[in-house]
């Protein structure tokens, strides 16, 4: 058997002759840029920042976008760019670090500025141009930088400014090179989608012909060609990602697919039963259920550090999975529901500049001795694209619209050391949260809602007796990309009902709190 491999992002797709590439300089928003481009019906891929001009010429994209990044362009070892890229005749848009890099590469000066800009700033257009067509004279944009372009090289001109950043956007007078100091890809920037669409249509001359079903058809053909007559193993968790992976594999190879559910004791209430009903009974999939609760809880005993929990769960999952997969004859491939946000948040781009935020046990951590080739048909998609694809593949709305569930399960929502009693408490509270949000008709309007068991106890009064029991935090967020998120403004009456039910119905809980943190600076999950 061959060793586990990872799919390449270097523009290998043939689903569209019209594509734009994003050079990734380590921005946590690089995938979000790609997503926004696709929303404009233009296919987009992310490539390494150090790709050569010769390779780009072979790819022949309609446009090039330079992402932001955490470095300063003038630092030793900071990611740089092949300057020949600007001479290819392909339009270039630099965003934040990307703009500074383009200016510096073409002779401008970039330096630290005492007036750093983080968050919303009012931006004024100072020169009429195609990039800002449809943009009002001024609007709010999202800034995130401590460096600024101090001077531009000959041929460049400033086309927008804020009160502390006189060069907030630039345009070259003879080359199709543009730059934005702010981030048009985030929802906080007003008219950001308009700016990106202007770059794609007015400047790159894209015809906006890409469709998600084209992507699905290519993946199905690619899987058939890769798999041949071998069998594919797919891990199911009950979440939408693994469900869509299983659906696309079922469409591609039918009876050559075997699904495995590892019941690790960290699943949501009734999770196992839901998976069995959907995939064994409804889809008639070859489904194997591994009962491994005791194994996982034993391995996690006494462990409180979040990353260590993830590593332990990932290792135990791989061991259980491999033991069961070894029972499947002619199994050569392993399919996973890795998405774009998983890849960027794990810093998984090989030798890439992105910083690691958290570990995902299904991204980049598979040991070579696992003995499978890796299939990740959703690796280039965002969550909303996965849902749309699931519906196109015939999955029910109940499955497609289930809220995301982390790979390590309830272990990252049960803070501190893991115990079965704590997990059972959390399961009951979490089920109430979801039930009430559904009953209020808000489940589809929220992106993710769940309960977190806190590692603290507080004083309370029940009846005439003093209590000293556990606290639950309710987390509910609104987001369309999971790269940024805002807390959901749930009605007070709904929050009150959730609190009352949890305290009355879940033994050991006497306090409920509501998490009102945004992402960033917080993450959606607590660990």
Protein backbone atom coordinates (compact mmCIF):
# COMPACT_ATOMS: atom_id res chain seq x y z
CA UNK A 1 0.00 0.00 0.00
CA UNK A 2 1.16 3.52 -0.61
CA UNK A 3 1.57 6.04 2.17
CA UNK A 4 -0.87 8.81 3.03
CA UNK A 5 -0.65 11.72 0.63
CA UNK A 6 -2.13 15.20 0.50
CA UNK A 7 -3.73 16.86 -2.48
CA UNK A 8 -1.95 19.73 -4.19
CA UNK A 9 -3.32 23.25 -4.41
CA UNK A 10 -1.06 24.34 -7.25
CA UNK A 11 -3.79 24.88 -9.77
CA UNK A 12 -4.20 21.27 -10.90
CA UNK A 13 -7.94 21.57 -11.54
CA UNK A 14 -9.39 21.43 -15.02
CA UNK A 15 -12.94 22.39 -14.04
CA UNK A 16 -12.63 25.86 -15.54
CA UNK A 17 -10.53 27.47 -18.20
CA UNK A 18 -11.18 30.72 -16.36
CA UNK A 19 -9.48 30.91 -12.99
CA UNK A 20 -7.89 33.33 -10.57
CA UNK A 21 -5.11 32.34 -8.21
CA UNK A 22 -4.38 33.61 -4.70
CA UNK A 23 -0.75 33.69 -3.59
CA UNK A 24 -0.82 32.81 0.11
CA UNK A 25 1.53 34.85 2.28
CA UNK A 26 0.22 33.39 5.52
CA UNK A 27 -3.03 35.28 5.93
CA UNK A 28 -5.77 33.60 7.93
CA UNK A 29 -8.09 35.12 5.31
CA UNK A 30 -6.43 33.59 2.24
CA UNK A 31 -9.16 30.98 1.85
CA UNK A 32 -11.79 33.62 2.45
CA UNK A 33 -10.47 35.57 -0.54
CA UNK A 34 -10.85 32.44 -2.66
CA UNK A 35 -14.37 31.95 -1.38
CA UNK A 36 -15.38 35.50 -2.27
CA UNK A 37 -13.99 35.04 -5.77
CA UNK A 38 -16.03 31.88 -6.23
CA UNK A 39 -19.13 33.72 -5.06
CA UNK A 40 -18.61 35.85 -8.16
CA UNK A 41 -18.75 32.62 -10.23
CA UNK A 42 -15.05 32.62 -11.00
CA UNK A 43 -13.03 29.54 -10.07
CA UNK A 44 -10.20 30.30 -7.66
CA UNK A 45 -7.30 28.31 -6.24
CA UNK A 46 -4.67 29.08 -3.64
CA UNK A 47 -0.99 28.54 -4.43
CA UNK A 48 2.26 28.95 -2.55
CA UNK A 49 3.60 32.46 -2.19
CA UNK A 50 6.91 31.54 -3.81
CA UNK A 51 5.43 30.23 -7.06
CA UNK A 52 7.52 31.36 -10.03
CA UNK A 53 6.41 33.64 -12.83
CA UNK A 54 7.13 30.80 -15.25
CA UNK A 55 4.75 28.48 -13.41
CA UNK A 56 2.03 31.13 -13.31
CA UNK A 57 2.45 31.62 -17.03
CA UNK A 58 1.83 27.88 -17.51
CA UNK A 59 -1.31 28.05 -15.34
CA UNK A 60 -2.47 31.09 -17.29
CA UNK A 61 -4.88 32.59 -14.75
CA UNK A 62 -7.08 35.55 -15.58
CA UNK A 63 -5.94 37.33 -12.44
CA UNK A 64 -3.58 37.12 -9.46
CA UNK A 65 -4.42 38.14 -5.88
CA UNK A 66 -1.70 38.59 -3.26
CA UNK A 67 -3.03 37.77 0.20
CA UNK A 68 -2.28 39.48 3.48
CA UNK A 69 0.19 38.02 5.95
CA UNK A 70 1.48 38.26 9.53
CA UNK A 71 4.98 39.50 8.65
CA UNK A 72 6.52 42.85 7.78
CA UNK A 73 7.72 42.88 4.17
CA UNK A 74 11.10 44.38 5.16
CA UNK A 75 11.93 41.73 7.79
CA UNK A 76 14.62 39.14 7.15
CA UNK A 77 12.96 35.90 6.10
CA UNK A 78 9.60 37.51 5.31
CA UNK A 79 7.79 35.81 2.38
CA UNK A 80 8.65 37.52 -0.89
CA UNK A 81 7.42 37.36 -4.47
CA UNK A 82 8.98 36.73 -7.86
CA UNK A 83 9.07 40.32 -9.28
CA UNK A 84 8.70 38.94 -12.81
CA UNK A 85 5.05 38.25 -11.95
CA UNK A 86 4.26 41.92 -12.45
CA UNK A 87 5.53 41.76 -16.04
CA UNK A 88 3.31 38.86 -17.16
CA UNK A 89 0.49 41.10 -18.33
CA UNK A 90 -1.88 39.40 -15.84
CA UNK A 91 -3.81 41.77 -13.53
CA UNK A 92 -2.58 41.73 -9.92
CA UNK A 93 -4.44 42.81 -6.78
CA UNK A 94 -2.43 43.06 -3.56
CA UNK A 95 -4.32 42.99 -0.25
CA UNK A 96 -2.70 44.41 2.92
CA UNK A 97 0.70 42.63 3.05
CA UNK A 98 0.18 41.87 -0.65
CA UNK A 99 -0.16 45.55 -1.48
CA UNK A 100 2.93 46.44 0.54
CA UNK A 101 4.85 43.66 -1.16
CA UNK A 102 3.84 44.83 -4.64
CA UNK A 103 4.78 48.43 -3.85
CA UNK A 104 8.15 47.44 -2.40
CA UNK A 105 8.94 45.02 -5.25
CA UNK A 106 8.32 47.81 -7.76
CA UNK A 107 10.41 50.44 -5.97
CA UNK A 108 8.22 51.88 -3.23
CA UNK A 109 8.99 52.22 0.48
CA UNK A 110 7.20 50.38 3.30
CA UNK A 111 7.85 50.98 6.99
CA UNK A 112 6.32 50.73 10.43
CA UNK A 113 3.80 53.47 11.17
CA UNK A 114 2.93 54.73 14.68
CA UNK A 115 -0.75 55.08 13.73
CA UNK A 116 -1.63 51.41 13.46
CA UNK A 117 -5.08 50.55 12.12
CA UNK A 118 -7.05 47.57 13.40
CA UNK A 119 -10.77 47.25 12.83
CA UNK A 120 -13.20 49.51 11.01
CA UNK A 121 -11.88 52.70 9.40
CA UNK A 122 -13.59 55.23 7.17
CA UNK A 123 -12.06 55.12 3.69
CA UNK A 124 -12.45 57.81 1.05
CA UNK A 125 -11.90 57.26 -2.68
CA UNK A 126 -9.55 59.97 -3.98
CA UNK A 127 -9.32 59.05 -7.66
CA UNK A 128 -11.92 57.65 -10.03
CA UNK A 129 -11.00 54.12 -11.20
CA UNK A 130 -12.48 50.76 -12.23
CA UNK A 131 -11.60 49.04 -8.96
CA UNK A 132 -13.89 51.30 -6.95
CA UNK A 133 -16.76 51.46 -9.46
CA UNK A 134 -20.02 51.44 -7.52
CA UNK A 135 -18.21 52.31 -4.28
CA UNK A 136 -19.55 55.51 -2.67
CA UNK A 137 -17.26 58.45 -2.08
CA UNK A 138 -16.49 57.00 1.35
CA UNK A 139 -17.41 53.90 3.36
CA UNK A 140 -16.20 51.73 6.24
CA UNK A 141 -13.45 49.20 5.53
CA UNK A 142 -11.66 46.62 7.71
CA UNK A 143 -8.01 47.37 8.45
CA UNK A 144 -5.42 45.12 10.12
CA UNK A 145 -1.91 46.50 9.79
CA UNK A 146 0.95 48.19 11.62
CA UNK A 147 3.05 48.95 8.52
CA UNK A 148 2.17 51.36 5.74
CA UNK A 149 3.34 52.24 2.27
CA UNK A 150 5.31 55.43 2.89
CA UNK A 151 6.08 56.31 -0.74
CA UNK A 152 5.06 54.72 -4.03
CA UNK A 153 7.33 54.15 -6.99
CA UNK A 154 7.02 56.04 -10.25
CA UNK A 155 3.93 54.92 -12.13
CA UNK A 156 1.83 54.31 -9.01
CA UNK A 157 -0.80 56.64 -7.64
CA UNK A 158 -2.88 56.59 -4.47
CA UNK A 159 -6.61 56.10 -5.15
CA UNK A 160 -8.04 55.93 -1.60
CA UNK A 161 -7.15 57.11 1.91
CA UNK A 162 -8.19 57.04 5.57
CA UNK A 163 -7.49 59.75 8.13
CA UNK A 164 -4.30 57.96 9.26
CA UNK A 165 -3.38 56.10 6.06
CA UNK A 166 -2.99 58.42 3.06
CA UNK A 167 -2.17 55.48 0.75
CA UNK A 168 -5.04 53.07 1.50
CA UNK A 169 -5.28 51.88 -2.12
CA UNK A 170 -3.03 52.18 -5.15
CA UNK A 171 -3.12 51.73 -8.91
CA UNK A 172 -0.29 51.53 -11.43
CA UNK A 173 -0.77 53.81 -14.41
CA UNK A 174 0.62 51.43 -17.05
CA UNK A 175 0.56 47.96 -15.43
CA UNK A 176 -2.64 46.23 -14.28
CA UNK A 177 -1.40 46.29 -10.68
CA UNK A 178 -3.71 47.39 -7.87
CA UNK A 179 -3.43 47.34 -4.10
CA UNK A 180 -5.72 47.66 -1.07
CA UNK A 181 -4.40 48.27 2.43
CA UNK A 182 -7.73 47.03 3.82
CA UNK A 183 -9.42 43.63 3.50
CA UNK A 184 -12.29 43.57 0.95
CA UNK A 185 -12.88 39.87 1.59
CA UNK A 186 -14.28 40.26 5.14
CA UNK A 187 -17.91 41.11 5.70
CA UNK A 188 -16.95 44.12 7.85
CA UNK A 189 -15.77 45.98 4.72
CA UNK A 190 -18.68 47.75 3.10
CA UNK A 191 -18.82 47.16 -0.66
CA UNK A 192 -15.94 44.68 -0.37
CA UNK A 193 -17.72 42.21 -2.66
CA UNK A 194 -18.22 45.03 -5.17
CA UNK A 195 -14.51 45.82 -5.19
CA UNK A 196 -13.55 42.17 -5.75
CA UNK A 197 -16.17 41.78 -8.47
CA UNK A 198 -14.80 44.89 -10.18
CA UNK A 199 -11.32 43.39 -10.17
CA UNK A 200 -12.61 40.12 -11.61
CA UNK A 201 -14.95 41.50 -14.26
CA UNK A 202 -13.78 44.99 -15.18
CA UNK A 203 -10.05 44.42 -14.82
CA UNK A 204 -9.48 40.66 -15.32
CA UNK A 205 -12.33 40.37 -17.87
CA UNK A 206 -13.71 37.20 -16.30
CA UNK A 207 -16.98 35.87 -17.71
CA UNK A 208 -18.24 34.35 -14.42
CA UNK A 209 -19.06 30.86 -15.71
CA UNK A 210 -17.96 28.63 -12.81
CA UNK A 211 -20.59 26.44 -11.10
CA UNK A 212 -20.34 24.15 -8.06
CA UNK A 213 -21.82 21.19 -9.94
CA UNK A 214 -18.83 21.41 -12.30
CA UNK A 215 -16.63 20.87 -9.26
CA UNK A 216 -18.70 17.87 -8.17
CA UNK A 217 -18.50 16.25 -11.59
CA UNK A 218 -14.75 16.66 -11.72
CA UNK A 219 -14.29 15.20 -8.24
CA UNK A 220 -16.45 12.18 -9.12
CA UNK A 221 -14.41 11.52 -12.27
CA UNK A 222 -11.16 12.08 -10.38
CA UNK A 223 -12.17 9.62 -7.63
CA UNK A 224 -13.15 6.95 -10.16
CA UNK A 225 -9.85 7.31 -11.97
CA UNK A 226 -7.82 7.28 -8.76
CA UNK A 227 -9.63 4.40 -7.06
CA UNK A 228 -10.08 1.94 -9.91
CA UNK A 229 -11.48 -1.32 -8.50
CA UNK A 230 -10.15 -0.79 -4.95
CA UNK A 231 -12.24 -0.02 -1.88
CA UNK A 232 -12.39 3.32 -0.07
CA UNK A 233 -12.79 3.77 3.68
CA UNK A 234 -14.67 6.85 4.90
CA UNK A 235 -14.97 7.94 8.50
CA UNK A 236 -18.43 9.14 9.52
CA UNK A 237 -19.09 11.47 12.43
CA UNK A 238 -22.67 12.58 11.86
CA UNK A 239 -21.51 15.98 10.66
CA UNK A 240 -22.26 17.45 7.25
CA UNK A 241 -18.66 17.25 6.00
CA UNK A 242 -18.27 13.50 6.36
CA UNK A 243 -21.84 13.01 5.09
CA UNK A 244 -21.12 14.92 1.88
CA UNK A 245 -17.84 13.05 1.42
CA UNK A 246 -19.72 9.76 1.76
CA UNK A 247 -22.39 10.96 -0.69
CA UNK A 248 -19.89 12.00 -3.35
CA UNK A 249 -17.99 8.73 -2.92
CA UNK A 250 -21.23 6.75 -3.13
CA UNK A 251 -22.04 8.55 -6.39
CA UNK A 252 -18.54 7.86 -7.70
CA UNK A 253 -17.86 4.26 -6.66
CA UNK A 254 -21.06 2.84 -5.15
CA UNK A 255 -20.51 -0.48 -3.38
CA UNK A 256 -16.74 0.04 -3.24
CA UNK A 257 -17.30 2.37 -0.28
CA UNK A 258 -17.13 1.28 3.37
CA UNK A 259 -17.95 3.77 6.13
CA UNK A 260 -16.63 3.54 9.68
CA UNK A 261 -18.09 5.29 12.71
CA UNK A 262 -15.84 5.34 15.77
CA UNK A 263 -18.10 5.72 18.81
CA UNK A 264 -15.48 7.33 21.03
CA UNK A 265 -17.82 8.44 23.80
CA UNK A 266 -17.36 12.05 22.69
CA UNK A 267 -20.37 12.24 20.36
CA UNK A 268 -23.47 14.37 20.80
CA UNK A 269 -26.65 12.88 22.25
CA UNK A 270 -28.15 10.24 19.90
CA UNK A 271 -25.35 10.87 17.36
CA UNK A 272 -24.59 7.20 16.75
CA UNK A 273 -28.26 6.35 16.21
CA UNK A 274 -28.67 9.19 13.71
CA UNK A 275 -25.65 8.07 11.70
CA UNK A 276 -26.75 4.45 11.62
CA UNK A 277 -30.25 5.40 10.51
CA UNK A 278 -29.01 7.71 7.76
CA UNK A 279 -26.20 5.68 6.26
CA UNK A 280 -26.99 2.07 7.03
CA UNK A 281 -30.76 2.18 6.67
CA UNK A 282 -31.41 5.06 4.26
CA UNK A 283 -28.31 5.04 2.04
CA UNK A 284 -27.68 1.29 2.56
CA UNK A 285 -23.99 1.94 3.04
CA UNK A 286 -21.58 -0.71 4.28
CA UNK A 287 -21.28 0.82 7.78
CA UNK A 288 -19.02 -0.46 10.57
CA UNK A 289 -19.52 0.93 14.11
CA UNK A 290 -16.54 0.69 16.46
CA UNK A 291 -17.48 0.83 20.15
CA UNK A 292 -14.46 2.54 21.71
CA UNK A 293 -15.72 4.80 24.50
CA UNK A 294 -13.72 3.10 27.23
CA UNK A 295 -10.56 3.18 25.12
CA UNK A 296 -10.76 6.92 24.49
CA UNK A 297 -11.73 7.91 28.03
CA UNK A 298 -8.91 5.82 29.44
CA UNK A 299 -6.39 7.52 27.14
CA UNK A 300 -7.73 10.97 28.12
CA UNK A 301 -7.75 10.35 31.87
CA UNK A 302 -6.03 13.18 33.73
CA UNK A 303 -5.35 15.24 30.58
CA UNK A 304 -6.54 18.86 30.61
CA UNK A 305 -4.37 20.67 28.03
CA UNK A 306 -6.44 21.24 24.85
CA UNK A 307 -3.80 20.48 22.21
CA UNK A 308 -2.76 17.35 24.08
CA UNK A 309 -6.38 16.22 24.12
CA UNK A 310 -6.54 16.65 20.35
CA UNK A 311 -3.35 14.68 19.83
CA UNK A 312 -4.53 11.83 22.05
CA UNK A 313 -7.94 11.69 20.37
CA UNK A 314 -6.31 11.83 16.94
CA UNK A 315 -3.93 9.00 17.79
CA UNK A 316 -6.65 6.82 19.32
CA UNK A 317 -8.94 7.53 16.38
CA UNK A 318 -6.27 6.45 13.90
CA UNK A 319 -5.59 3.25 15.85
CA UNK A 320 -9.30 2.33 16.06
CA UNK A 321 -9.89 3.28 12.47
CA UNK A 322 -6.95 1.27 11.17
CA UNK A 323 -7.89 -1.81 13.17
CA UNK A 324 -11.38 -1.75 11.67
CA UNK A 325 -10.19 -0.79 8.19
CA UNK A 326 -7.79 -3.74 8.17
CA UNK A 327 -10.86 -5.97 8.19
CA UNK A 328 -12.00 -4.53 4.85
CA UNK A 329 -10.56 -6.45 1.92
CA UNK A 330 -8.83 -4.50 -0.86
CA UNK A 331 -9.10 -1.18 1.02
CA UNK A 332 -6.43 1.18 -0.33
CA UNK A 333 -7.91 4.64 0.15
CA UNK A 334 -9.01 6.78 3.07
CA UNK A 335 -11.52 9.61 2.50
CA UNK A 336 -11.77 12.60 4.83
CA UNK A 337 -13.96 15.68 5.07
CA UNK A 338 -11.14 18.20 5.29
CA UNK A 339 -12.26 21.70 4.32
CA UNK A 340 -10.37 24.86 3.40
CA UNK A 341 -10.74 26.43 6.87
CA UNK A 342 -9.32 23.24 8.43
CA UNK A 343 -6.25 23.51 6.25
CA UNK A 344 -5.51 27.17 6.87
CA UNK A 345 -6.20 27.07 10.62
CA UNK A 346 -3.91 24.08 11.00
CA UNK A 347 -1.12 25.81 9.08
CA UNK A 348 -1.17 22.73 6.89
CA UNK A 349 0.12 24.21 3.66
CA UNK A 350 3.46 22.48 3.35
CA UNK A 351 6.27 24.82 4.44
CA UNK A 352 3.76 27.67 4.18
CA UNK A 353 3.89 30.85 6.25
CA UNK A 354 0.52 30.48 7.99
CA UNK A 355 0.57 30.22 11.76
CA UNK A 356 -1.08 27.27 13.48
CA UNK A 357 -4.17 28.21 15.51
CA UNK A 358 -5.33 24.73 16.46
CA UNK A 359 -4.72 21.12 15.57
CA UNK A 360 -7.21 19.05 13.59
CA UNK A 361 -6.77 15.31 13.88
CA UNK A 362 -7.89 14.89 10.25
CA UNK A 363 -5.45 17.37 8.71
CA UNK A 364 -1.85 16.64 7.96
CA UNK A 365 -1.36 14.36 10.97
CA UNK A 366 -1.83 10.96 9.42
CA UNK A 367 1.16 8.68 10.08
CA UNK A 368 2.74 7.01 7.11
CA UNK A 369 2.18 3.60 8.65
CA UNK A 370 -1.58 4.09 8.23
CA UNK A 371 -1.06 2.60 4.81
CA UNK A 372 -3.73 4.41 2.78
CA UNK A 373 -3.76 6.94 0.02
CA UNK A 374 -5.72 9.98 1.07
CA UNK A 375 -8.82 11.29 -0.72
CA UNK A 376 -10.06 14.74 0.32
CA UNK A 377 -12.73 15.76 -2.21
CA UNK A 378 -13.86 18.78 -0.14
CA UNK A 379 -10.43 20.16 0.66
CA UNK A 380 -10.95 23.19 -1.60
CA UNK A 381 -14.45 24.07 -0.35
CA UNK A 382 -15.96 26.22 2.38
CA UNK A 383 -18.81 25.12 4.62
CA UNK A 384 -21.56 26.86 2.66
CA UNK A 385 -20.25 25.32 -0.58
CA UNK A 386 -20.24 21.89 1.07
CA UNK A 387 -23.88 22.31 2.05
CA UNK A 388 -24.89 23.35 -1.44
CA UNK A 389 -23.00 20.38 -2.84
CA UNK A 390 -24.72 18.03 -0.39
CA UNK A 391 -28.14 19.14 -1.58
CA UNK A 392 -27.08 18.67 -5.20
CA UNK A 393 -25.97 15.13 -4.32
CA UNK A 394 -29.38 14.30 -2.86
CA UNK A 395 -28.74 14.51 0.89
CA UNK A 396 -31.69 15.57 3.05
CA UNK A 397 -31.85 19.10 4.44
CA UNK A 398 -31.77 17.67 7.98
CA UNK A 399 -28.31 16.23 7.32
CA UNK A 400 -27.01 19.09 5.20
CA UNK A 401 -28.00 21.82 7.65
CA UNK A 402 -26.71 20.17 10.81
CA UNK A 403 -24.42 22.48 12.68
CA UNK A 404 -20.69 21.65 12.49
CA UNK A 405 -19.16 19.34 15.07
CA UNK A 406 -15.42 19.35 15.81
CA UNK A 407 -13.33 16.28 15.09
CA UNK A 408 -12.34 15.82 18.76
CA UNK A 409 -16.02 15.97 19.67
CA UNK A 410 -17.21 17.00 23.11
CA UNK A 411 -13.66 16.78 24.46
CA UNK A 412 -13.05 20.38 23.32
CA UNK A 413 -16.35 21.52 24.84
CA UNK A 414 -15.75 19.83 28.19
CA UNK A 415 -13.00 22.06 29.55
CA UNK A 416 -10.31 20.54 31.73
CA UNK A 417 -10.05 16.84 32.45
CA UNK A 418 -12.47 14.48 30.70
CA UNK A 419 -14.77 12.19 32.67
CA UNK A 420 -17.80 10.20 31.52
CA UNK A 421 -20.07 11.89 34.07
CA UNK A 422 -19.04 15.33 32.77
CA UNK A 423 -19.62 14.25 29.17
CA UNK A 424 -23.10 12.92 30.00
CA UNK A 425 -23.94 16.21 31.71
CA UNK A 426 -22.70 18.18 28.72
CA UNK A 427 -24.61 15.96 26.26
CA UNK A 428 -27.90 16.64 28.02
CA UNK A 429 -27.32 20.40 28.23
CA UNK A 430 -26.21 20.57 24.59
CA UNK A 431 -29.31 18.72 23.44
CA UNK A 432 -31.54 21.24 25.25
CA UNK A 433 -29.73 24.18 23.64
CA UNK A 434 -30.23 22.77 20.16
CA UNK A 435 -33.83 21.69 20.81
CA UNK A 436 -34.86 25.16 21.97
CA UNK A 437 -33.10 26.98 19.12
CA UNK A 438 -34.85 24.68 16.65
CA UNK A 439 -38.19 25.21 18.39
CA UNK A 440 -37.71 28.97 18.08
CA UNK A 441 -37.13 28.57 14.32
CA UNK A 442 -33.60 29.97 14.57
CA UNK A 443 -31.50 26.87 13.85
CA UNK A 444 -30.99 27.67 10.16
CA UNK A 445 -30.33 31.33 10.96
CA UNK A 446 -27.45 30.46 13.29
CA UNK A 447 -24.25 28.87 12.07
CA UNK A 448 -23.30 26.94 15.18
CA UNK A 449 -24.90 26.51 18.60
CA UNK A 450 -23.77 24.33 21.47
CA UNK A 451 -23.10 24.06 25.18
CA UNK A 452 -19.73 24.11 26.93
CA UNK A 453 -19.11 22.60 30.37
CA UNK A 454 -16.89 24.98 32.33
CA UNK A 455 -14.22 23.78 34.77
CA UNK A 456 -15.66 25.91 37.58
CA UNK A 457 -18.34 25.55 40.21
CA UNK A 458 -20.48 28.29 41.64
CA UNK A 459 -22.79 28.85 44.57
CA UNK A 460 -26.52 28.62 43.99
CA UNK A 461 -29.79 28.07 45.80
CA UNK A 462 -32.29 25.34 44.93
CA UNK A 463 -35.33 25.19 47.16
CA UNK A 464 -34.05 26.15 50.59
CA UNK A 465 -30.67 24.51 50.12
CA UNK A 466 -27.32 25.99 49.11
CA UNK A 467 -25.73 24.35 46.08
CA UNK A 468 -22.18 24.36 44.77
CA UNK A 469 -22.41 22.98 41.25
CA UNK A 470 -21.25 23.29 37.66
CA UNK A 471 -21.71 26.06 35.11
CA UNK A 472 -22.65 25.75 31.44
CA UNK A 473 -21.78 28.32 28.77
CA UNK A 474 -24.00 28.57 25.70
CA UNK A 475 -22.17 29.44 22.48
CA UNK A 476 -24.14 30.53 19.42
CA UNK A 477 -22.55 32.31 16.46
CA UNK A 478 -23.46 33.85 13.13
CA UNK A 479 -21.04 33.43 10.23
CA UNK A 480 -21.06 32.57 6.55
CA UNK A 481 -17.46 31.41 6.30
CA UNK A 482 -16.32 30.27 9.81
CA UNK A 483 -13.16 32.34 9.37
CA UNK A 484 -14.80 35.23 11.21
CA UNK A 485 -17.89 35.01 13.40
CA UNK A 486 -20.13 37.16 15.57
CA UNK A 487 -22.18 36.03 18.54
CA UNK A 488 -25.87 35.48 17.81
CA UNK A 489 -28.32 37.99 19.25
CA UNK A 490 -30.76 35.39 20.51
CA UNK A 491 -34.01 36.69 22.04
CA UNK A 492 -33.85 37.09 25.80
CA UNK A 493 -36.94 34.90 26.25
CA UNK A 494 -35.19 32.08 24.37
CA UNK A 495 -32.05 32.41 26.47
CA UNK A 496 -34.19 32.40 29.60
CA UNK A 497 -35.97 29.23 28.49
CA UNK A 498 -32.66 27.49 27.71
CA UNK A 499 -31.28 28.49 31.10
CA UNK A 500 -34.38 27.34 32.97
CA UNK A 501 -34.50 23.98 31.22
CA UNK A 502 -30.79 23.26 31.65
CA UNK A 503 -30.80 24.09 35.35
CA UNK A 504 -34.05 22.21 36.03
CA UNK A 505 -33.40 19.16 33.85
CA UNK A 506 -29.64 18.57 33.96
CA UNK A 507 -28.36 17.31 37.29
CA UNK A 508 -25.30 19.13 38.61
CA UNK A 509 -25.85 22.45 36.79
CA UNK A 510 -26.88 25.59 38.68
CA UNK A 511 -25.66 28.37 36.39
CA UNK A 512 -25.88 29.14 32.66
CA UNK A 513 -23.87 31.88 30.90
CA UNK A 514 -23.96 33.18 27.32
CA UNK A 515 -20.73 33.65 25.34
CA UNK A 516 -20.68 37.04 23.55
CA UNK A 517 -17.16 36.81 22.08
CA UNK A 518 -16.46 37.37 18.39
CA UNK A 519 -13.99 35.48 16.20
CA UNK A 520 -11.37 36.91 16.17
CA UNK A 521 -10.11 37.43 18.83
CA UNK A 522 -11.84 34.34 20.25
CA UNK A 523 -12.32 31.08 18.34
CA UNK A 524 -15.71 29.47 17.89
CA UNK A 525 -14.81 26.45 19.99
CA UNK A 526 -13.51 27.00 23.50
CA UNK A 527 -10.56 24.64 23.13
